[in-house]
Amino acid sequence: MTSPAPRLPQTFPLPTVPLDDAVATQFRLLECTARHFEGEQLFAADAGVVPGL
């Protein structure tokens, strides 16, 4: 006998936005982030981005 499937959490999907709006928002987020961090700090938390490669 198998146990019942676990109850799924309630989710709150984000609305779909046009691609141009999504790109603009992503660039705005990056610009805001760059105001608070400099140089190597921008890359310290992202193991997938290595400057110079």
Protein backbone atom coordinates (compact mmCIF):
# COMPACT_ATOMS: atom_id res chain seq x y z
CA MET A 1 0.00 0.00 0.00
CA THR A 2 1.35 3.43 -0.92
CA SER A 3 1.00 6.53 1.17
CA PRO A 4 -0.99 9.47 -0.19
CA ALA A 5 0.89 12.15 -2.10
CA PRO A 6 2.02 15.11 0.00
CA ARG A 7 -0.18 18.17 -0.06
CA LEU A 8 1.16 20.81 -2.45
CA PRO A 9 1.81 24.31 -1.09
CA GLN A 10 -0.38 27.20 -2.17
CA THR A 11 1.29 29.18 -4.96
CA PHE A 12 0.87 32.69 -6.26
CA PRO A 13 1.92 32.80 -9.93
CA LEU A 14 3.15 36.10 -11.29
CA PRO A 15 1.25 37.62 -14.18
CA THR A 16 2.70 37.22 -17.66
CA VAL A 17 4.33 40.37 -19.03
CA PRO A 18 5.48 41.27 -22.54
CA LEU A 19 9.10 40.34 -23.32
CA ASP A 20 10.16 43.98 -23.76
CA ASP A 21 8.85 44.82 -20.27
CA ALA A 22 10.61 41.81 -18.75
CA VAL A 23 13.93 42.76 -20.37
CA ALA A 24 13.60 46.38 -19.23
CA THR A 25 12.83 45.26 -15.67
CA GLN A 26 15.80 42.89 -15.65
CA PHE A 27 18.17 45.66 -16.78
CA ARG A 28 16.72 48.02 -14.15
CA LEU A 29 17.32 45.39 -11.46
CA LEU A 30 20.92 44.98 -12.61
CA GLU A 31 21.49 48.74 -12.65
CA CYS A 32 20.07 49.08 -9.12
CA THR A 33 22.22 46.20 -7.89
CA ALA A 34 25.35 47.68 -9.49
CA ARG A 35 24.82 50.91 -7.53
CA HIS A 36 25.34 48.99 -4.27
CA PHE A 37 28.23 46.68 -5.23
CA GLU A 38 31.52 47.27 -7.02
CA GLY A 39 33.90 45.18 -9.12
CA GLU A 40 34.46 41.69 -7.75
CA GLN A 41 31.50 42.05 -5.35
CA LEU A 42 29.15 41.83 -8.33
CA PHE A 43 30.56 38.40 -9.21
CA ALA A 44 31.19 37.01 -5.70
CA ALA A 45 27.77 35.37 -5.32
CA ASP A 46 27.46 33.95 -8.84
CA ALA A 47 29.68 30.93 -9.44
CA GLY A 48 28.48 30.77 -13.04
CA VAL A 49 29.88 34.14 -14.09
CA VAL A 50 33.66 34.44 -14.34
CA PRO A 51 35.11 37.66 -15.75
CA GLY A 52 37.69 37.14 -18.48
CA LEU A 53 36.53 33.74 -19.70
